Each structure stands twice: as structure tokens, then as C-alpha cells.
PDB file of N, CA and C in Angstrom:
ATOM      1  N   MET A   1     -46.612  12.176  70.683  1.00  0.00           N
ATOM      2  CA  MET A   1     -47.600  11.123  70.751  1.00  0.00           C
ATOM      3  C   MET A   1     -48.648  11.502  71.790  1.00  0.00           C
ATOM      4  N   THR A   2     -49.884  11.131  71.490  1.00  0.00           N
ATOM      5  CA  THR A   2     -50.987  11.350  72.419  1.00  0.00           C
ATOM      6  C   THR A   2     -51.444  10.000  72.962  1.00  0.00           C
ATOM      7  N   ILE A   3     -51.583   9.922  74.280  1.00  0.00           N
ATOM      8  CA  ILE A   3     -52.048   8.695  74.942  1.00  0.00           C
ATOM      9  C   ILE A   3     -53.407   8.997  75.569  1.00  0.00           C
ATOM     10  N   THR A   4     -54.410   8.212  75.181  1.00  0.00           N
ATOM     11  CA  THR A   4     -55.743   8.358  75.763  1.00  0.00           C
ATOM     12  C   THR A   4     -56.083   7.070  76.489  1.00  0.00           C
ATOM     13  N   THR A   5     -56.385   7.186  77.785  1.00  0.00           N
ATOM     14  CA  THR A   5     -56.713   5.997  78.568  1.00  0.00           C
ATOM     15  C   THR A   5     -58.174   6.032  78.980  1.00  0.00           C
ATOM     16  N   LYS A   6     -58.754   4.839  79.053  1.00  0.00           N
ATOM     17  CA  LYS A   6     -60.130   4.688  79.510  1.00  0.00           C
ATOM     18  C   LYS A   6     -60.209   3.371  80.265  1.00  0.00           C
ATOM     19  N   ILE A   7     -60.804   3.411  81.436  1.00  0.00           N
ATOM     20  CA  ILE A   7     -60.958   2.198  82.235  1.00  0.00           C
ATOM     21  C   ILE A   7     -62.397   1.720  82.108  1.00  0.00           C
ATOM     22  N   ASP A   8     -62.534   0.443  81.770  1.00  0.00           N
ATOM     23  CA  ASP A   8     -63.845  -0.193  81.648  1.00  0.00           C
ATOM     24  C   ASP A   8     -63.849  -1.406  82.564  1.00  0.00           C
ATOM     25  N   GLY A   9     -64.310  -1.223  83.800  1.00  0.00           N
ATOM     26  CA  GLY A   9     -64.252  -2.300  84.787  1.00  0.00           C
ATOM     27  C   GLY A   9     -62.818  -2.602  85.158  1.00  0.00           C
ATOM     28  N   THR A  10     -62.346  -3.816  84.793  1.00  0.00           N
ATOM     29  CA  THR A  10     -60.955  -4.179  85.061  1.00  0.00           C
ATOM     30  C   THR A  10     -60.126  -4.218  83.776  1.00  0.00           C
ATOM     31  N   THR A  11     -60.639  -3.547  82.728  1.00  0.00           N
ATOM     32  CA  THR A  11     -59.914  -3.463  81.460  1.00  0.00           C
ATOM     33  C   THR A  11     -59.405  -2.041  81.257  1.00  0.00           C
ATOM     34  N   LEU A  12     -58.106  -1.933  80.986  1.00  0.00           N
ATOM     35  CA  LEU A  12     -57.506  -0.654  80.662  1.00  0.00           C
ATOM     36  C   LEU A  12     -57.412  -0.555  79.145  1.00  0.00           C
ATOM     37  N   ASN A  13     -58.058   0.467  78.582  1.00  0.00           N
ATOM     38  CA  ASN A  13     -58.001   0.725  77.141  1.00  0.00           C
ATOM     39  C   ASN A  13     -57.079   1.910  76.908  1.00  0.00           C
ATOM     40  N   ILE A  14     -56.093   1.721  76.019  1.00  0.00           N
ATOM     41  CA  ILE A  14     -55.150   2.789  75.705  1.00  0.00           C
ATOM     42  C   ILE A  14     -55.131   3.001  74.198  1.00  0.00           C
ATOM     43  N   ALA A  15     -55.446   4.224  73.784  1.00  0.00           N
ATOM     44  CA  ALA A  15     -55.364   4.600  72.375  1.00  0.00           C
ATOM     45  C   ALA A  15     -54.128   5.471  72.188  1.00  0.00           C
ATOM     46  N   LEU A  16     -53.343   5.137  71.174  1.00  0.00           N
ATOM     47  CA  LEU A  16     -52.128   5.895  70.883  1.00  0.00           C
ATOM     48  C   LEU A  16     -52.285   6.624  69.565  1.00  0.00           C
ATOM     49  N   GLU A  17     -51.796   7.851  69.529  1.00  0.00           N
ATOM     50  CA  GLU A  17     -51.842   8.643  68.302  1.00  0.00           C
ATOM     51  C   GLU A  17     -50.462   9.236  68.054  1.00  0.00           C
ATOM     52  N   GLY A  18     -49.938   9.038  66.858  1.00  0.00           N
ATOM     53  CA  GLY A  18     -48.629   9.578  66.503  1.00  0.00           C
ATOM     54  C   GLY A  18     -47.586   8.492  66.369  1.00  0.00           C
ATOM     55  N   ARG A  19     -46.405   8.736  66.951  1.00  0.00           N
ATOM     56  CA  ARG A  19     -45.277   7.820  66.827  1.00  0.00           C
ATOM     57  C   ARG A  19     -44.873   7.273  68.192  1.00  0.00           C
ATOM     58  N   LEU A  20     -44.707   5.955  68.261  1.00  0.00           N
ATOM     59  CA  LEU A  20     -44.201   5.311  69.471  1.00  0.00           C
ATOM     60  C   LEU A  20     -42.749   4.955  69.198  1.00  0.00           C
ATOM     61  N   ASP A  21     -41.844   5.804  69.679  1.00  0.00           N
ATOM     62  CA  ASP A  21     -40.428   5.636  69.370  1.00  0.00           C
ATOM     63  C   ASP A  21     -39.577   5.908  70.603  1.00  0.00           C
ATOM     64  N   THR A  22     -38.301   6.101  70.412  1.00  0.00           N
ATOM     65  CA  THR A  22     -37.367   6.311  71.516  1.00  0.00           C
ATOM     66  C   THR A  22     -37.752   7.504  72.374  1.00  0.00           C
ATOM     67  N   MET A  23     -38.270   8.540  71.747  1.00  0.00           N
ATOM     68  CA  MET A  23     -38.627   9.755  72.477  1.00  0.00           C
ATOM     69  C   MET A  23     -39.937   9.611  73.252  1.00  0.00           C
ATOM     70  N   THR A  24     -40.879   8.829  72.733  1.00  0.00           N
ATOM     71  CA  THR A  24     -42.217   8.770  73.338  1.00  0.00           C
ATOM     72  C   THR A  24     -42.487   7.497  74.141  1.00  0.00           C
ATOM     73  N   SER A  25     -41.685   6.463  73.952  1.00  0.00           N
ATOM     74  CA  SER A  25     -41.943   5.214  74.674  1.00  0.00           C
ATOM     75  C   SER A  25     -41.846   5.365  76.198  1.00  0.00           C
ATOM     76  N   PRO A  26     -40.963   6.225  76.735  1.00  0.00           N
ATOM     77  CA  PRO A  26     -40.970   6.405  78.194  1.00  0.00           C
ATOM     78  C   PRO A  26     -42.309   6.943  78.718  1.00  0.00           C
ATOM     79  N   GLU A  27     -42.988   7.761  77.905  1.00  0.00           N
ATOM     80  CA  GLU A  27     -44.312   8.271  78.262  1.00  0.00           C
ATOM     81  C   GLU A  27     -45.307   7.127  78.438  1.00  0.00           C
ATOM     82  N   LEU A  28     -45.311   6.211  77.464  1.00  0.00           N
ATOM     83  CA  LEU A  28     -46.224   5.074  77.522  1.00  0.00           C
ATOM     84  C   LEU A  28     -45.871   4.166  78.689  1.00  0.00           C
ATOM     85  N   GLU A  29     -44.590   3.945  78.894  1.00  0.00           N
ATOM     86  CA  GLU A  29     -44.146   3.103  80.004  1.00  0.00           C
ATOM     87  C   GLU A  29     -44.599   3.685  81.348  1.00  0.00           C
ATOM     88  N   ALA A  30     -44.475   4.991  81.503  1.00  0.00           N
ATOM     89  CA  ALA A  30     -44.899   5.660  82.738  1.00  0.00           C
ATOM     90  C   ALA A  30     -46.410   5.540  82.916  1.00  0.00           C
ATOM     91  N   GLU A  31     -47.155   5.696  81.829  1.00  0.00           N
ATOM     92  CA  GLU A  31     -48.613   5.576  81.906  1.00  0.00           C
ATOM     93  C   GLU A  31     -49.020   4.160  82.295  1.00  0.00           C
ATOM     94  N   LEU A  32     -48.370   3.171  81.732  1.00  0.00           N
ATOM     95  CA  LEU A  32     -48.668   1.780  82.084  1.00  0.00           C
ATOM     96  C   LEU A  32     -48.342   1.497  83.542  1.00  0.00           C
ATOM     97  N   ASN A  33     -47.197   1.968  84.007  1.00  0.00           N
ATOM     98  CA  ASN A  33     -46.812   1.766  85.405  1.00  0.00           C
ATOM     99  C   ASN A  33     -47.828   2.390  86.352  1.00  0.00           C
ATOM    100  N   LYS A  34     -48.387   3.519  85.955  1.00  0.00           N
ATOM    101  CA  LYS A  34     -49.350   4.235  86.778  1.00  0.00           C
ATOM    102  C   LYS A  34     -50.739   3.586  86.716  1.00  0.00           C
ATOM    103  N   SER A  35     -51.141   3.109  85.544  1.00  0.00           N
ATOM    104  CA  SER A  35     -52.536   2.721  85.319  1.00  0.00           C
ATOM    105  C   SER A  35     -52.837   1.229  85.387  1.00  0.00           C
ATOM    106  N   LEU A  36     -51.837   0.367  85.301  1.00  0.00           N
ATOM    107  CA  LEU A  36     -52.102  -1.074  85.232  1.00  0.00           C
ATOM    108  C   LEU A  36     -52.480  -1.712  86.572  1.00  0.00           C
ATOM    109  N   SER A  37     -52.218  -1.033  87.657  1.00  0.00           N
ATOM    110  CA  SER A  37     -52.518  -1.598  88.969  1.00  0.00           C
ATOM    111  C   SER A  37     -54.011  -1.912  89.086  1.00  0.00           C
ATOM    112  N   GLY A  38     -54.302  -3.161  89.404  1.00  0.00           N
ATOM    113  CA  GLY A  38     -55.684  -3.581  89.566  1.00  0.00           C
ATOM    114  C   GLY A  38     -56.394  -3.968  88.284  1.00  0.00           C
ATOM    115  N   MET A  39     -55.741  -3.790  87.151  1.00  0.00           N
ATOM    116  CA  MET A  39     -56.350  -4.129  85.871  1.00  0.00           C
ATOM    117  C   MET A  39     -56.122  -5.602  85.543  1.00  0.00           C
ATOM    118  N   GLU A  40     -57.112  -6.238  84.956  1.00  0.00           N
ATOM    119  CA  GLU A  40     -57.013  -7.652  84.573  1.00  0.00           C
ATOM    120  C   GLU A  40     -56.708  -7.838  83.091  1.00  0.00           C
ATOM    121  N   SER A  41     -57.074  -6.847  82.268  1.00  0.00           N
ATOM    122  CA  SER A  41     -56.777  -6.943  80.838  1.00  0.00           C
ATOM    123  C   SER A  41     -56.409  -5.564  80.293  1.00  0.00           C
ATOM    124  N   LEU A  42     -55.702  -5.586  79.163  1.00  0.00           N
ATOM    125  CA  LEU A  42     -55.187  -4.375  78.535  1.00  0.00           C
ATOM    126  C   LEU A  42     -55.489  -4.439  77.050  1.00  0.00           C
ATOM    127  N   VAL A  43     -56.064  -3.353  76.524  1.00  0.00           N
ATOM    128  CA  VAL A  43     -56.377  -3.273  75.095  1.00  0.00           C
ATOM    129  C   VAL A  43     -55.746  -2.001  74.546  1.00  0.00           C
ATOM    130  N   PHE A  44     -54.919  -2.174  73.518  1.00  0.00           N
ATOM    131  CA  PHE A  44     -54.333  -1.032  72.817  1.00  0.00           C
ATOM    132  C   PHE A  44     -55.113  -0.787  71.536  1.00  0.00           C
ATOM    133  N   ASP A  45     -55.424   0.466  71.254  1.00  0.00           N
ATOM    134  CA  ASP A  45     -56.032   0.867  69.984  1.00  0.00           C
ATOM    135  C   ASP A  45     -54.962   1.624  69.200  1.00  0.00           C
ATOM    136  N   PHE A  46     -54.538   1.014  68.105  1.00  0.00           N
ATOM    137  CA  PHE A  46     -53.476   1.604  67.285  1.00  0.00           C
ATOM    138  C   PHE A  46     -54.012   2.251  66.018  1.00  0.00           C
ATOM    139  N   SER A  47     -55.312   2.587  65.982  1.00  0.00           N
ATOM    140  CA  SER A  47     -55.906   3.132  64.758  1.00  0.00           C
ATOM    141  C   SER A  47     -55.245   4.440  64.319  1.00  0.00           C
ATOM    142  N   LYS A  48     -54.663   5.190  65.257  1.00  0.00           N
ATOM    143  CA  LYS A  48     -54.017   6.461  64.915  1.00  0.00           C
ATOM    144  C   LYS A  48     -52.510   6.432  65.164  1.00  0.00           C
ATOM    145  N   LEU A  49     -51.958   5.224  65.335  1.00  0.00           N
ATOM    146  CA  LEU A  49     -50.511   5.089  65.526  1.00  0.00           C
ATOM    147  C   LEU A  49     -49.846   5.009  64.162  1.00  0.00           C
ATOM    148  N   ASP A  50     -48.928   5.947  63.894  1.00  0.00           N
ATOM    149  CA  ASP A  50     -48.288   6.033  62.582  1.00  0.00           C
ATOM    150  C   ASP A  50     -47.032   5.183  62.468  1.00  0.00           C
ATOM    151  N   TYR A  51     -46.352   4.951  63.593  1.00  0.00           N
ATOM    152  CA  TYR A  51     -45.023   4.328  63.545  1.00  0.00           C
ATOM    153  C   TYR A  51     -44.703   3.726  64.898  1.00  0.00           C
ATOM    154  N   ILE A  52     -43.961   2.620  64.888  1.00  0.00           N
ATOM    155  CA  ILE A  52     -43.471   2.034  66.133  1.00  0.00           C
ATOM    156  C   ILE A  52     -42.016   1.612  65.932  1.00  0.00           C
ATOM    157  N   SER A  53     -41.165   1.952  66.892  1.00  0.00           N
ATOM    158  CA  SER A  53     -39.741   1.600  66.818  1.00  0.00           C
ATOM    159  C   SER A  53     -39.458   0.452  67.786  1.00  0.00           C
ATOM    160  N   SER A  54     -38.205   0.046  67.838  1.00  0.00           N
ATOM    161  CA  SER A  54     -37.810  -1.030  68.751  1.00  0.00           C
ATOM    162  C   SER A  54     -38.048  -0.628  70.207  1.00  0.00           C
ATOM    163  N   ALA A  55     -37.913   0.651  70.521  1.00  0.00           N
ATOM    164  CA  ALA A  55     -38.181   1.116  71.884  1.00  0.00           C
ATOM    165  C   ALA A  55     -39.661   0.927  72.223  1.00  0.00           C
ATOM    166  N   GLY A  56     -40.522   1.185  71.270  1.00  0.00           N
ATOM    167  CA  GLY A  56     -41.950   0.971  71.465  1.00  0.00           C
ATOM    168  C   GLY A  56     -42.276  -0.501  71.598  1.00  0.00           C
ATOM    169  N   LEU A  57     -41.604  -1.321  70.804  1.00  0.00           N
ATOM    170  CA  LEU A  57     -41.806  -2.773  70.887  1.00  0.00           C
ATOM    171  C   LEU A  57     -41.405  -3.301  72.258  1.00  0.00           C
ATOM    172  N   ARG A  58     -40.354  -2.754  72.818  1.00  0.00           N
ATOM    173  CA  ARG A  58     -39.898  -3.172  74.144  1.00  0.00           C
ATOM    174  C   ARG A  58     -40.971  -2.895  75.195  1.00  0.00           C
ATOM    175  N   VAL A  59     -41.609  -1.730  75.117  1.00  0.00           N
ATOM    176  CA  VAL A  59     -42.670  -1.387  76.066  1.00  0.00           C
ATOM    177  C   VAL A  59     -43.859  -2.338  75.891  1.00  0.00           C
ATOM    178  N   LEU A  60     -44.207  -2.653  74.642  1.00  0.00           N
ATOM    179  CA  LEU A  60     -45.303  -3.592  74.392  1.00  0.00           C
ATOM    180  C   LEU A  60     -44.984  -4.975  74.950  1.00  0.00           C
ATOM    181  N   LEU A  61     -43.754  -5.423  74.752  1.00  0.00           N
ATOM    182  CA  LEU A  61     -43.360  -6.735  75.254  1.00  0.00           C
ATOM    183  C   LEU A  61     -43.424  -6.779  76.782  1.00  0.00           C
ATOM    184  N   SER A  62     -42.982  -5.722  77.417  1.00  0.00           N
ATOM    185  CA  SER A  62     -43.031  -5.637  78.867  1.00  0.00           C
ATOM    186  C   SER A  62     -44.480  -5.678  79.363  1.00  0.00           C
ATOM    187  N   ALA A  63     -45.360  -4.946  78.692  1.00  0.00           N
ATOM    188  CA  ALA A  63     -46.783  -4.948  79.064  1.00  0.00           C
ATOM    189  C   ALA A  63     -47.394  -6.327  78.835  1.00  0.00           C
ATOM    190  N   HIS A  64     -47.009  -6.960  77.729  1.00  0.00           N
ATOM    191  CA  HIS A  64     -47.517  -8.300  77.418  1.00  0.00           C
ATOM    192  C   HIS A  64     -47.122  -9.286  78.512  1.00  0.00           C
ATOM    193  N   LYS A  65     -45.875  -9.219  78.952  1.00  0.00           N
ATOM    194  CA  LYS A  65     -45.409 -10.107  80.025  1.00  0.00           C
ATOM    195  C   LYS A  65     -46.181  -9.863  81.313  1.00  0.00           C
ATOM    196  N   ALA A  66     -46.402  -8.600  81.648  1.00  0.00           N
ATOM    197  CA  ALA A  66     -47.136  -8.261  82.872  1.00  0.00           C
ATOM    198  C   ALA A  66     -48.575  -8.762  82.814  1.00  0.00           C
ATOM    199  N   MET A  67     -49.186  -8.689  81.645  1.00  0.00           N
ATOM    200  CA  MET A  67     -50.591  -9.071  81.515  1.00  0.00           C
ATOM    201  C   MET A  67     -50.778 -10.565  81.256  1.00  0.00           C
ATOM    202  N   SER A  68     -49.718 -11.274  80.937  1.00  0.00           N
ATOM    203  CA  SER A  68     -49.844 -12.708  80.621  1.00  0.00           C
ATOM    204  C   SER A  68     -50.248 -13.534  81.845  1.00  0.00           C
ATOM    205  N   VAL A  69     -50.004 -13.022  83.032  1.00  0.00           N
ATOM    206  CA  VAL A  69     -50.416 -13.727  84.247  1.00  0.00           C
ATOM    207  C   VAL A  69     -51.839 -13.336  84.656  1.00  0.00           C
ATOM    208  N   LYS A  70     -52.441 -12.457  83.870  1.00  0.00           N
ATOM    209  CA  LYS A  70     -53.819 -12.028  84.112  1.00  0.00           C
ATOM    210  C   LYS A  70     -54.657 -12.472  82.913  1.00  0.00           C
ATOM    211  N   GLN A  71     -55.629 -11.659  82.529  1.00  0.00           N
ATOM    212  CA  GLN A  71     -56.501 -12.028  81.410  1.00  0.00           C
ATOM    213  C   GLN A  71     -55.888 -11.708  80.045  1.00  0.00           C
ATOM    214  N   GLY A  72     -54.778 -10.987  80.027  1.00  0.00           N
ATOM    215  CA  GLY A  72     -54.064 -10.779  78.777  1.00  0.00           C
ATOM    216  C   GLY A  72     -54.145  -9.377  78.204  1.00  0.00           C
ATOM    217  N   MET A  73     -53.551  -9.269  77.035  1.00  0.00           N
ATOM    218  CA  MET A  73     -53.424  -8.000  76.332  1.00  0.00           C
ATOM    219  C   MET A  73     -53.719  -8.233  74.868  1.00  0.00           C
ATOM    220  N   LYS A  74     -54.377  -7.258  74.233  1.00  0.00           N
ATOM    221  CA  LYS A  74     -54.564  -7.341  72.791  1.00  0.00           C
ATOM    222  C   LYS A  74     -54.340  -5.982  72.159  1.00  0.00           C
ATOM    223  N   VAL A  75     -53.993  -6.018  70.878  1.00  0.00           N
ATOM    224  CA  VAL A  75     -53.739  -4.817  70.102  1.00  0.00           C
ATOM    225  C   VAL A  75     -54.766  -4.790  68.977  1.00  0.00           C
ATOM    226  N   THR A  76     -55.467  -3.662  68.839  1.00  0.00           N
ATOM    227  CA  THR A  76     -56.510  -3.556  67.819  1.00  0.00           C
ATOM    228  C   THR A  76     -56.206  -2.445  66.822  1.00  0.00           C
ATOM    229  N   ASN A  77     -56.867  -2.528  65.677  1.00  0.00           N
ATOM    230  CA  ASN A  77     -56.819  -1.481  64.639  1.00  0.00           C
ATOM    231  C   ASN A  77     -55.397  -1.144  64.186  1.00  0.00           C
ATOM    232  N   VAL A  78     -54.624  -2.168  63.869  1.00  0.00           N
ATOM    233  CA  VAL A  78     -53.226  -1.978  63.467  1.00  0.00           C
ATOM    234  C   VAL A  78     -53.167  -1.681  61.962  1.00  0.00           C
ATOM    235  N   ASN A  79     -52.486  -0.587  61.596  1.00  0.00           N
ATOM    236  CA  ASN A  79     -52.357  -0.257  60.179  1.00  0.00           C
ATOM    237  C   ASN A  79     -51.274  -1.115  59.527  1.00  0.00           C
ATOM    238  N   GLU A  80     -51.148  -1.014  58.228  1.00  0.00           N
ATOM    239  CA  GLU A  80     -50.216  -1.864  57.473  1.00  0.00           C
ATOM    240  C   GLU A  80     -48.755  -1.629  57.848  1.00  0.00           C
ATOM    241  N   ILE A  81     -48.378  -0.393  58.125  1.00  0.00           N
ATOM    242  CA  ILE A  81     -46.981  -0.082  58.459  1.00  0.00           C
ATOM    243  C   ILE A  81     -46.595  -0.758  59.777  1.00  0.00           C
ATOM    244  N   VAL A  82     -47.434  -0.609  60.786  1.00  0.00           N
ATOM    245  CA  VAL A  82     -47.156  -1.209  62.094  1.00  0.00           C
ATOM    246  C   VAL A  82     -47.274  -2.727  62.003  1.00  0.00           C
ATOM    247  N   LYS A  83     -48.240  -3.215  61.234  1.00  0.00           N
ATOM    248  CA  LYS A  83     -48.417  -4.655  61.065  1.00  0.00           C
ATOM    249  C   LYS A  83     -47.164  -5.285  60.445  1.00  0.00           C
ATOM    250  N   GLU A  84     -46.561  -4.584  59.497  1.00  0.00           N
ATOM    251  CA  GLU A  84     -45.332  -5.091  58.866  1.00  0.00           C
ATOM    252  C   GLU A  84     -44.194  -5.168  59.884  1.00  0.00           C
ATOM    253  N   VAL A  85     -44.080  -4.169  60.753  1.00  0.00           N
ATOM    254  CA  VAL A  85     -43.054  -4.190  61.809  1.00  0.00           C
ATOM    255  C   VAL A  85     -43.290  -5.397  62.715  1.00  0.00           C
ATOM    256  N   PHE A  86     -44.550  -5.640  63.091  1.00  0.00           N
ATOM    257  CA  PHE A  86     -44.879  -6.797  63.933  1.00  0.00           C
ATOM    258  C   PHE A  86     -44.496  -8.104  63.251  1.00  0.00           C
ATOM    259  N   GLU A  87     -44.744  -8.202  61.944  1.00  0.00           N
ATOM    260  CA  GLU A  87     -44.444  -9.437  61.215  1.00  0.00           C
ATOM    261  C   GLU A  87     -42.937  -9.660  61.080  1.00  0.00           C
ATOM    262  N   VAL A  88     -42.199  -8.614  60.743  1.00  0.00           N
ATOM    263  CA  VAL A  88     -40.747  -8.720  60.555  1.00  0.00           C
ATOM    264  C   VAL A  88     -40.040  -9.074  61.864  1.00  0.00           C
ATOM    265  N   THR A  89     -40.531  -8.534  62.979  1.00  0.00           N
ATOM    266  CA  THR A  89     -39.885  -8.759  64.269  1.00  0.00           C
ATOM    267  C   THR A  89     -40.380 -10.010  64.985  1.00  0.00           C
ATOM    268  N   GLY A  90     -41.430 -10.629  64.471  1.00  0.00           N
ATOM    269  CA  GLY A  90     -41.988 -11.807  65.109  1.00  0.00           C
ATOM    270  C   GLY A  90     -43.014 -11.482  66.182  1.00  0.00           C
ATOM    271  N   PHE A  91     -43.300 -10.211  66.385  1.00  0.00           N
ATOM    272  CA  PHE A  91     -44.288  -9.811  67.384  1.00  0.00           C
ATOM    273  C   PHE A  91     -45.685 -10.284  67.009  1.00  0.00           C
ATOM    274  N   SER A  92     -45.933 -10.495  65.730  1.00  0.00           N
ATOM    275  CA  SER A  92     -47.256 -10.966  65.311  1.00  0.00           C
ATOM    276  C   SER A  92     -47.513 -12.386  65.842  1.00  0.00           C
ATOM    277  N   ASP A  93     -46.444 -13.114  66.168  1.00  0.00           N
ATOM    278  CA  ASP A  93     -46.584 -14.458  66.751  1.00  0.00           C
ATOM    279  C   ASP A  93     -46.762 -14.400  68.272  1.00  0.00           C
ATOM    280  N   ILE A  94     -46.360 -13.290  68.874  1.00  0.00           N
ATOM    281  CA  ILE A  94     -46.381 -13.147  70.330  1.00  0.00           C
ATOM    282  C   ILE A  94     -47.665 -12.451  70.804  1.00  0.00           C
ATOM    283  N   LEU A  95     -48.022 -11.360  70.121  1.00  0.00           N
ATOM    284  CA  LEU A  95     -49.148 -10.534  70.543  1.00  0.00           C
ATOM    285  C   LEU A  95     -50.464 -11.023  69.965  1.00  0.00           C
ATOM    286  N   THR A  96     -51.552 -10.726  70.648  1.00  0.00           N
ATOM    287  CA  THR A  96     -52.888 -10.949  70.114  1.00  0.00           C
ATOM    288  C   THR A  96     -53.272  -9.675  69.365  1.00  0.00           C
ATOM    289  N   ILE A  97     -53.398  -9.796  68.040  1.00  0.00           N
ATOM    290  CA  ILE A  97     -53.687  -8.638  67.192  1.00  0.00           C
ATOM    291  C   ILE A  97     -55.037  -8.850  66.525  1.00  0.00           C
ATOM    292  N   GLU A  98     -55.905  -7.864  66.695  1.00  0.00           N
ATOM    293  CA  GLU A  98     -57.245  -7.939  66.097  1.00  0.00           C
ATOM    294  C   GLU A  98     -57.455  -6.801  65.124  1.00  0.00           C
TER     295      GLU A  98
END
């Protein structure tokens, strides 16, 4: 998986490419731990994310909880495969998806 980060003021933008699964979710978790300090909002771009597993969902939930006391988190450009995972797991009710 490739993680691309960009800071825009107090917004952290993270684009993911590839698979967010058991093997790659620790990478994303480490990046969030390193980059979220001082950020008020978080935007994920999933336009190139092919797959997400329960391990990836756990990292998203953790980030969502951390950002809920700030300006929040949103997920953009979700493909049909990932959108179906969000719907089946109930994440579509929890996350802001655009």
C-alpha cells in the first residue's frame, strides 16, 4: 500500500493506494500517530484503494474517534467494493463518506 499525505492548514489529507489489510494497517496507524498532532480535520482519499479488511476498519474507527473531538474526519472517492464493506459492517452509518 502507498500512503500519500498532504497538510493543508490544519487538515491532514491522506490518499491510500492498494490494499488496507492486516499487513498494511500498521503502516497507516503509524502514519496517523505521527501526523495527526495539531490537525483539526482528517480527509481520506480512497480513489485508489482496492480493498479494506477488518484491520483497516479498526484503524479508521480509531482515527474517527480521535477526530470526533475536533472538526472531524471524512472519507472521499470510495469505490463500490469498499462502499459495500462499509455498508455491511455499519461503517457507512458511522463515517462521513463523500
